[in-house]
Amino acid sequence: MDRKELSTGSIQEGLQNHEDCKNTILSVEDIKDPDLTVAQLLEEKKVVSEKLSTLLELVGELVIAESNITQHPTIKSIKNESLNSTLSRFHKILIDLQDVAFSTRMIPISGVFKKISGIVHELQNQSDIKVLLHTSGEDTEIDKSRVDLIFEPIVYILKNSIEYGLESSDKRLSNGKSEIKNIYLSARQSINEVLVTVRDDGHGLDRRKILEKAKQNGIIIDDSIRLTNQGTTFVLRIPISLGTMEGTVVRIGIKYFTIQTVELREFVSLRDKKEIELDKDQNVLDIRGTFVPIFNINQILNHKESIEYDNKDPLIIVLEYEKKLLGIRVDEIIGSQNVVIKPLIGIMEQAQGVNGFTILGNGNVSLILDAKSIFSKQEISGVK
């Protein structure tokens, strides 16, 4: 864990110094020819980036082609050990190629942390108030396209922590804290996102102002909440730009949907279980003592069209996100397969509960369900 000394003061001045050059920072390896101008170096980097993007697209198409071959009825009907062995080996090579290709656009977040430390270093002599900046998780990898997007928000939060969130030395001592202020900057990877946390040990949020603002907006807050003198924590959730993923495909009526396999907790048959109706639009299912809310796909996607279930062997897929659970009714589990994530376009970009689509091996289009947005929309959790 690194420890950097930091001082309060005008962060805007330090930011401006970095703003002019932050998008043109190049590594030593980039400067192979000292006669090249910055513009030429940036153009070379742009060409390399475009080639990498093309490579990633081709790898994605190769994944789709491989799925089309292995899922073709004719191929699946052939009982030949040599063919199966060859297809299995081809699949393994493709997965390795895919992992290497997509890793080319991931870089450690340490570059962002170093830039912030540079700003901290410039500002440390502008005030008598001393702050220790603690950093951790610098090796956490992030999509390079997100780097510039997160830099300014982190610095803005840091600025607010220093200028508004930290008390004077005398007040800190009277509150039983050390005279030196502490700010913690950390990063870690979750299932499909990177969490960047900025935390301080200052006086915390102003409870009175928050309650007043909440009442003005018709929001009810428990008056017993104590927010002051506890510091403040901000968490930035940065999605990992997955080009492909291991997904589980399900069928609901004549439509197909794909869920990231790591977000699936289990499948439950309704043959021997009965849903409990809480109200007109909400049922729950008792799964080993945990009551899990059950939804149909229209409730998830906010669609109004009718659903025609097969009703031969009703199933529930149970999703899990941050220890919360919910179930979705499906007709059939097609199976797991590696899928290429394609972005939604046009009016579909505003679709709720989905974050893309994929083309299955049988040629059908499948929407990719987004567990995070589904749970945020439903605001539910399994309750024992």
Protein backbone atom coordinates (compact mmCIF):
# COMPACT_ATOMS: atom_id res chain seq x y z
CA MET A 1 0.00 0.00 0.00
CA ASP A 2 1.48 3.33 -1.07
CA ARG A 3 1.35 6.36 1.20
CA LYS A 4 1.53 9.83 -0.33
CA GLU A 5 1.49 13.18 1.45
CA LEU A 6 -1.21 15.53 0.25
CA SER A 7 -2.20 19.10 1.03
CA THR A 8 -5.46 20.95 0.58
CA GLY A 9 -5.66 24.03 -1.56
CA SER A 10 -6.68 24.87 -5.07
CA ILE A 11 -6.88 21.54 -6.86
CA GLN A 12 -8.24 23.28 -9.92
CA GLU A 13 -4.80 24.75 -10.58
CA GLY A 14 -3.16 21.36 -10.41
CA LEU A 15 -5.88 19.86 -12.57
CA GLN A 16 -5.34 22.44 -15.28
CA ASN A 17 -1.64 21.60 -15.47
CA HIS A 18 -2.51 17.96 -16.09
CA GLU A 19 -5.52 18.63 -18.32
CA ASP A 20 -3.34 19.94 -21.13
CA CYS A 21 -1.20 16.83 -21.33
CA LYS A 22 -3.15 13.92 -19.86
CA ASN A 23 -4.38 12.76 -23.27
CA THR A 24 -0.90 12.89 -24.80
CA ILE A 25 1.05 10.94 -22.19
CA LEU A 26 3.19 8.34 -23.93
CA SER A 27 5.36 5.60 -22.51
CA VAL A 28 9.12 5.47 -23.01
CA GLU A 29 8.63 2.52 -25.35
CA ASP A 30 6.54 4.73 -27.66
CA ILE A 31 9.43 7.11 -28.29
CA LYS A 32 11.61 4.86 -30.41
CA ASP A 33 12.47 7.64 -32.86
CA PRO A 34 13.29 10.95 -31.10
CA ASP A 35 12.62 12.85 -34.35
CA LEU A 36 8.93 11.88 -34.38
CA THR A 37 6.49 14.57 -33.32
CA VAL A 38 3.79 13.97 -30.71
CA ALA A 39 1.18 14.12 -33.48
CA GLN A 40 2.99 11.37 -35.41
CA LEU A 41 3.29 9.21 -32.31
CA LEU A 42 -0.41 9.61 -31.57
CA GLU A 43 -1.26 8.74 -35.17
CA GLU A 44 0.81 5.56 -34.91
CA LYS A 45 -1.00 4.62 -31.70
CA LYS A 46 -4.33 5.27 -33.43
CA VAL A 47 -3.42 2.92 -36.29
CA VAL A 48 -2.40 0.18 -33.84
CA SER A 49 -5.65 0.68 -31.91
CA GLU A 50 -7.71 0.36 -35.10
CA LYS A 51 -5.90 -2.85 -36.03
CA LEU A 52 -6.58 -4.29 -32.57
CA SER A 53 -10.27 -3.40 -32.90
CA THR A 54 -10.40 -5.21 -36.24
CA LEU A 55 -8.67 -8.23 -34.70
CA LEU A 56 -11.21 -8.33 -31.86
CA GLU A 57 -14.11 -8.16 -34.32
CA LEU A 58 -12.66 -11.01 -36.39
CA VAL A 59 -12.14 -13.16 -33.29
CA GLY A 60 -15.76 -12.50 -32.35
CA GLU A 61 -16.95 -13.58 -35.79
CA LEU A 62 -14.77 -16.69 -35.52
CA VAL A 63 -16.49 -17.58 -32.23
CA ILE A 64 -19.90 -17.28 -33.92
CA ALA A 65 -18.74 -19.40 -36.87
CA GLU A 66 -17.41 -22.10 -34.54
CA SER A 67 -20.72 -22.15 -32.69
CA ASN A 68 -22.63 -22.42 -35.98
CA ILE A 69 -20.55 -25.46 -36.92
CA THR A 70 -20.69 -27.31 -33.61
CA GLN A 71 -24.41 -26.65 -33.12
CA HIS A 72 -25.40 -27.64 -36.66
CA PRO A 73 -27.78 -30.64 -36.58
CA THR A 74 -25.76 -32.53 -39.19
CA ILE A 75 -22.51 -32.16 -37.24
CA LYS A 76 -24.21 -33.05 -33.95
CA SER A 77 -25.64 -36.22 -35.47
CA ILE A 78 -22.22 -37.53 -36.56
CA LYS A 79 -20.80 -40.09 -34.13
CA ASN A 80 -17.11 -39.89 -34.88
CA GLU A 81 -14.47 -39.75 -32.14
CA SER A 82 -11.82 -38.26 -34.42
CA LEU A 83 -14.15 -35.44 -35.51
CA ASN A 84 -15.23 -34.75 -31.94
CA SER A 85 -11.60 -34.67 -30.82
CA THR A 86 -10.70 -32.23 -33.60
CA LEU A 87 -13.65 -29.96 -32.79
CA SER A 88 -12.75 -30.04 -29.10
CA ARG A 89 -9.14 -29.10 -29.85
CA PHE A 90 -10.29 -26.32 -32.18
CA HIS A 91 -12.58 -24.97 -29.45
CA LYS A 92 -9.72 -24.91 -26.92
CA ILE A 93 -7.42 -23.07 -29.35
CA LEU A 94 -10.19 -20.58 -30.12
CA ILE A 95 -10.80 -19.89 -26.42
CA ASP A 96 -7.06 -19.28 -25.88
CA LEU A 97 -6.93 -16.97 -28.91
CA GLN A 98 -9.99 -15.12 -27.66
CA ASP A 99 -8.51 -14.62 -24.18
CA VAL A 100 -5.26 -13.25 -25.60
CA ALA A 101 -7.04 -10.99 -28.10
CA PHE A 102 -9.36 -9.41 -25.57
CA SER A 103 -6.59 -9.00 -23.00
CA THR A 104 -4.86 -6.56 -25.39
CA ARG A 105 -7.34 -3.83 -24.50
CA MET A 106 -7.06 -4.30 -20.74
CA ILE A 107 -4.50 -2.24 -18.80
CA PRO A 108 -3.77 -1.87 -15.06
CA ILE A 109 -5.54 1.02 -13.35
CA SER A 110 -2.17 1.95 -11.86
CA GLY A 111 -1.76 4.53 -14.64
CA VAL A 112 -4.80 6.42 -13.36
CA PHE A 113 -3.59 6.19 -9.78
CA LYS A 114 -0.14 7.50 -10.77
CA LYS A 115 -1.67 10.53 -12.50
CA ILE A 116 -3.67 11.28 -9.37
CA SER A 117 -0.54 10.86 -7.25
CA GLY A 118 1.17 13.35 -9.55
CA ILE A 119 -1.53 15.91 -8.86
CA VAL A 120 -1.22 15.17 -5.16
CA HIS A 121 2.53 15.74 -5.31
CA GLU A 122 2.09 19.16 -6.96
CA LEU A 123 -0.41 20.25 -4.32
CA GLN A 124 1.27 18.97 -1.18
CA ASN A 125 3.07 22.24 -0.39
CA GLN A 126 0.09 24.54 -0.92
CA SER A 127 -1.31 24.18 2.59
CA ASP A 128 -0.26 23.38 6.13
CA ILE A 129 -2.96 20.71 6.38
CA LYS A 130 -1.43 17.30 5.74
CA VAL A 131 -3.27 14.33 4.30
CA LEU A 132 -2.10 10.80 3.65
CA LEU A 133 -3.29 9.20 0.42
CA HIS A 134 -3.41 5.39 0.64
CA THR A 135 -3.73 3.43 -2.59
CA SER A 136 -4.37 -0.27 -3.20
CA GLY A 137 -5.46 -2.51 -6.05
CA GLU A 138 -3.27 -0.81 -8.65
CA ASP A 139 -2.93 -4.08 -10.57
CA THR A 140 -6.69 -4.23 -11.21
CA GLU A 141 -7.23 -4.19 -14.97
CA ILE A 142 -9.64 -1.91 -16.78
CA ASP A 143 -10.62 -1.45 -20.41
CA LYS A 144 -8.27 1.19 -21.83
CA SER A 145 -11.26 2.97 -23.41
CA ARG A 146 -12.54 3.73 -19.89
CA VAL A 147 -9.35 5.28 -18.53
CA ASP A 148 -9.98 8.89 -19.53
CA LEU A 149 -13.64 8.57 -18.55
CA ILE A 150 -12.91 7.76 -14.91
CA PHE A 151 -9.93 10.04 -14.30
CA GLU A 152 -11.83 13.30 -13.79
CA PRO A 153 -14.63 11.82 -11.61
CA ILE A 154 -12.04 10.31 -9.26
CA VAL A 155 -10.14 13.59 -9.00
CA TYR A 156 -13.39 15.51 -8.47
CA ILE A 157 -14.36 13.21 -5.58
CA LEU A 158 -10.85 13.52 -4.17
CA LYS A 159 -11.07 17.31 -4.42
CA ASN A 160 -14.35 17.37 -2.51
CA SER A 161 -12.97 15.07 0.17
CA ILE A 162 -10.03 17.39 0.74
CA GLU A 163 -11.78 20.75 0.50
CA TYR A 164 -15.09 19.90 2.21
CA GLY A 165 -14.86 16.52 3.89
CA LEU A 166 -11.90 16.92 6.23
CA GLU A 167 -11.95 18.76 9.55
CA SER A 168 -9.30 20.97 11.07
CA SER A 169 -6.56 19.34 13.13
CA ASP A 170 -8.02 20.64 16.41
CA LYS A 171 -11.48 19.29 15.61
CA ARG A 172 -10.07 15.91 14.60
CA LEU A 173 -8.16 15.65 17.87
CA SER A 174 -11.28 16.59 19.84
CA ASN A 175 -13.16 13.79 18.02
CA GLY A 176 -10.51 11.25 18.97
CA LYS A 177 -8.93 11.07 15.51
CA SER A 178 -5.32 11.45 14.47
CA GLU A 179 -4.18 14.90 13.41
CA ILE A 180 -3.18 13.62 9.96
CA LYS A 181 -6.12 13.12 7.60
CA ASN A 182 -6.48 9.93 5.56
CA ILE A 183 -7.93 9.31 2.12
CA TYR A 184 -8.09 5.78 0.68
CA LEU A 185 -8.16 5.12 -3.06
CA SER A 186 -8.64 1.49 -4.06
CA ALA A 187 -9.75 -0.69 -6.95
CA ARG A 188 -10.92 -4.28 -7.21
CA GLN A 189 -12.60 -6.44 -9.81
CA SER A 190 -16.04 -7.91 -9.27
CA ILE A 191 -17.76 -10.41 -11.58
CA ASN A 192 -18.17 -8.11 -14.57
CA GLU A 193 -17.22 -4.69 -13.28
CA VAL A 194 -14.39 -2.82 -11.60
CA LEU A 195 -15.14 -1.09 -8.30
CA VAL A 196 -13.13 2.06 -7.57
CA THR A 197 -13.56 3.32 -4.01
CA VAL A 198 -12.64 6.73 -2.61
CA ARG A 199 -12.97 6.89 1.18
CA ASP A 200 -11.96 9.49 3.75
CA ASP A 201 -12.03 9.65 7.55
CA GLY A 202 -13.44 13.18 7.71
CA HIS A 203 -16.60 14.56 9.29
CA GLY A 204 -18.89 12.76 6.85
CA LEU A 205 -22.08 14.04 5.26
CA ASP A 206 -24.22 16.82 6.67
CA ARG A 207 -27.26 14.95 7.97
CA ARG A 208 -29.41 18.06 8.39
CA LYS A 209 -28.88 19.22 4.80
CA ILE A 210 -29.51 15.74 3.43
CA LEU A 211 -32.80 15.44 5.34
CA GLU A 212 -33.90 18.86 4.15
CA LYS A 213 -33.10 18.04 0.53
CA ALA A 214 -34.81 14.66 0.83
CA LYS A 215 -38.00 16.22 2.20
CA GLN A 216 -37.99 18.78 -0.61
CA ASN A 217 -37.95 15.91 -3.11
CA GLY A 218 -40.50 13.79 -1.28
CA ILE A 219 -37.96 11.17 -0.19
CA ILE A 220 -38.44 9.53 3.20
CA ILE A 221 -35.28 8.99 5.25
CA ASP A 222 -35.07 7.40 8.68
CA ASP A 223 -34.47 10.29 11.11
CA SER A 224 -32.39 7.99 13.29
CA ILE A 225 -29.64 7.80 10.66
CA ARG A 226 -26.31 9.15 11.88
CA LEU A 227 -23.99 10.24 9.09
CA THR A 228 -21.62 12.77 10.65
CA ASN A 229 -18.12 12.06 11.93
CA GLN A 230 -18.00 8.73 10.10
CA GLY A 231 -16.17 9.74 6.95
CA THR A 232 -17.52 9.41 3.44
CA THR A 233 -17.22 6.60 0.90
CA PHE A 234 -17.89 6.82 -2.85
CA VAL A 235 -17.87 3.76 -5.10
CA LEU A 236 -17.58 4.00 -8.88
CA ARG A 237 -18.84 0.92 -10.73
CA ILE A 238 -17.13 0.58 -14.10
CA PRO A 239 -18.48 -2.14 -16.41
CA ILE A 240 -15.91 -4.42 -17.98
CA SER A 241 -16.35 -4.27 -21.75
CA LEU A 242 -16.76 -7.96 -22.40
CA GLY A 243 -16.48 -8.90 -26.06
CA THR A 244 -17.48 -12.47 -25.33
CA MET A 245 -18.76 -14.33 -22.31
CA GLU A 246 -19.71 -17.76 -21.08
CA GLY A 247 -23.49 -17.64 -21.23
CA THR A 248 -26.39 -19.94 -20.45
CA VAL A 249 -29.11 -19.87 -23.09
CA VAL A 250 -32.77 -20.37 -22.16
CA ARG A 251 -35.96 -20.47 -24.18
CA ILE A 252 -39.20 -18.72 -23.22
CA GLY A 253 -41.92 -19.50 -25.72
CA ILE A 254 -40.33 -18.95 -29.13
CA LYS A 255 -37.74 -16.46 -27.85
CA TYR A 256 -34.20 -17.04 -26.63
CA PHE A 257 -32.37 -15.26 -23.83
CA THR A 258 -28.79 -15.52 -22.57
CA ILE A 259 -27.59 -14.96 -19.00
CA GLN A 260 -23.98 -14.71 -17.91
CA THR A 261 -23.31 -18.12 -16.38
CA VAL A 262 -21.58 -16.73 -13.26
CA GLU A 263 -24.80 -14.86 -12.40
CA LEU A 264 -26.85 -18.06 -12.33
CA ARG A 265 -27.29 -19.68 -8.94
CA GLU A 266 -29.45 -22.69 -9.88
CA PHE A 267 -32.39 -24.10 -11.83
CA VAL A 268 -35.55 -25.14 -10.00
CA SER A 269 -38.33 -27.34 -11.40
CA LEU A 270 -41.89 -26.35 -10.50
CA ARG A 271 -43.18 -29.91 -10.77
CA ASP A 272 -42.99 -30.48 -7.03
CA LYS A 273 -43.09 -26.86 -5.86
CA LYS A 274 -45.85 -24.29 -5.69
CA GLU A 275 -45.47 -20.55 -5.92
CA ILE A 276 -46.87 -18.42 -3.10
CA GLU A 277 -48.94 -15.49 -4.31
CA LEU A 278 -48.29 -12.31 -2.33
CA ASP A 279 -50.39 -10.01 -4.49
CA LYS A 280 -51.69 -9.75 -8.04
CA ASP A 281 -48.30 -9.25 -9.71
CA GLN A 282 -45.89 -10.82 -7.23
CA ASN A 283 -45.23 -14.46 -6.39
CA VAL A 284 -42.44 -16.00 -4.34
CA LEU A 285 -40.99 -19.49 -4.19
CA ASP A 286 -39.72 -21.20 -1.06
CA ILE A 287 -36.29 -22.60 -1.95
CA ARG A 288 -34.81 -24.36 1.07
CA GLY A 289 -36.15 -21.75 3.47
CA THR A 290 -35.37 -18.70 1.33
CA PHE A 291 -38.34 -16.92 -0.26
CA VAL A 292 -37.27 -15.91 -3.76
CA PRO A 293 -39.39 -13.42 -5.78
CA ILE A 294 -40.52 -14.88 -9.12
CA PHE A 295 -41.06 -12.83 -12.29
CA ASN A 296 -41.99 -13.49 -15.88
CA ILE A 297 -39.86 -12.06 -18.67
CA ASN A 298 -42.38 -9.32 -19.47
CA GLN A 299 -42.07 -7.95 -15.94
CA ILE A 300 -38.30 -7.97 -16.33
CA LEU A 301 -38.28 -6.25 -19.73
CA ASN A 302 -41.39 -4.13 -19.12
CA HIS A 303 -43.18 -5.66 -22.13
CA LYS A 304 -46.96 -5.97 -22.43
CA GLU A 305 -47.25 -8.70 -25.05
CA SER A 306 -48.64 -12.06 -23.98
CA ILE A 307 -46.33 -14.98 -23.19
CA GLU A 308 -47.07 -18.49 -24.39
CA TYR A 309 -45.28 -20.94 -22.11
CA ASP A 310 -45.01 -24.62 -23.07
CA ASN A 311 -46.08 -25.62 -19.54
CA LYS A 312 -44.65 -29.11 -20.08
CA ASP A 313 -41.97 -28.83 -17.44
CA PRO A 314 -42.01 -25.30 -15.98
CA LEU A 315 -38.63 -24.14 -14.73
CA ILE A 316 -37.29 -21.26 -12.68
CA ILE A 317 -33.78 -19.90 -13.22
CA VAL A 318 -32.49 -18.23 -10.07
CA LEU A 319 -30.20 -15.23 -10.59
CA GLU A 320 -27.86 -13.95 -7.90
CA TYR A 321 -26.34 -10.48 -7.71
CA GLU A 322 -24.61 -9.08 -4.62
CA LYS A 323 -26.32 -11.70 -2.40
CA LYS A 324 -29.75 -10.83 -3.80
CA LEU A 325 -31.92 -13.43 -5.52
CA LEU A 326 -34.74 -13.49 -8.04
CA GLY A 327 -36.29 -16.13 -10.25
CA ILE A 328 -37.46 -15.98 -13.87
CA ARG A 329 -39.88 -18.48 -15.42
CA VAL A 330 -38.51 -20.26 -18.50
CA ASP A 331 -39.55 -23.18 -20.69
CA GLU A 332 -36.21 -24.80 -21.47
CA ILE A 333 -32.52 -24.65 -20.63
CA ILE A 334 -30.70 -24.84 -23.97
CA GLY A 335 -27.23 -25.02 -22.41
CA SER A 336 -24.00 -23.11 -21.92
CA GLN A 337 -21.92 -21.72 -24.75
CA ASN A 338 -19.39 -19.03 -25.47
CA VAL A 339 -21.22 -16.09 -27.05
CA VAL A 340 -20.17 -12.83 -28.69
CA ILE A 341 -21.79 -9.73 -27.19
CA LYS A 342 -23.10 -7.33 -29.81
CA PRO A 343 -24.34 -3.84 -28.85
CA LEU A 344 -27.98 -2.85 -29.12
CA ILE A 345 -28.71 -0.19 -31.72
CA GLY A 346 -31.49 2.27 -32.44
CA ILE A 347 -34.55 2.16 -30.22
CA MET A 348 -33.28 -1.05 -28.59
CA GLU A 349 -30.50 0.92 -26.89
CA GLN A 350 -33.09 2.05 -24.32
CA ALA A 351 -34.30 -1.49 -23.60
CA GLN A 352 -34.55 -2.30 -19.90
CA GLY A 353 -32.89 -5.35 -18.39
CA VAL A 354 -30.66 -6.16 -21.36
CA ASN A 355 -27.17 -5.04 -22.34
CA GLY A 356 -26.75 -6.54 -25.80
CA PHE A 357 -27.61 -9.46 -28.03
CA THR A 358 -25.88 -12.44 -29.55
CA ILE A 359 -26.36 -14.79 -32.48
CA LEU A 360 -26.64 -18.40 -31.38
CA GLY A 361 -25.18 -21.40 -33.13
CA ASN A 362 -28.61 -22.27 -34.56
CA GLY A 363 -28.86 -18.81 -36.13
CA ASN A 364 -31.42 -17.44 -33.67
CA VAL A 365 -30.99 -14.04 -32.05
CA SER A 366 -30.82 -14.00 -28.25
CA LEU A 367 -31.10 -10.95 -25.99
CA ILE A 368 -28.49 -10.87 -23.21
CA LEU A 369 -30.07 -10.23 -19.82
CA ASP A 370 -28.26 -7.78 -17.52
CA ALA A 371 -28.51 -8.94 -13.91
CA LYS A 372 -27.34 -5.64 -12.46
CA SER A 373 -30.06 -3.54 -14.13
CA ILE A 374 -32.70 -6.20 -13.46
CA PHE A 375 -32.00 -6.18 -9.73
CA SER A 376 -31.79 -2.38 -9.67
CA LYS A 377 -35.21 -2.16 -11.33
CA GLN A 378 -36.92 -4.71 -9.13
CA GLU A 379 -35.19 -3.63 -5.89
CA ILE A 380 -35.68 -7.03 -4.35
CA SER A 381 -33.72 -9.67 -2.52
CA GLY A 382 -34.18 -13.16 -1.18
CA VAL A 383 -35.55 -13.10 2.36
CA LYS A 384 -35.27 -15.93 4.85
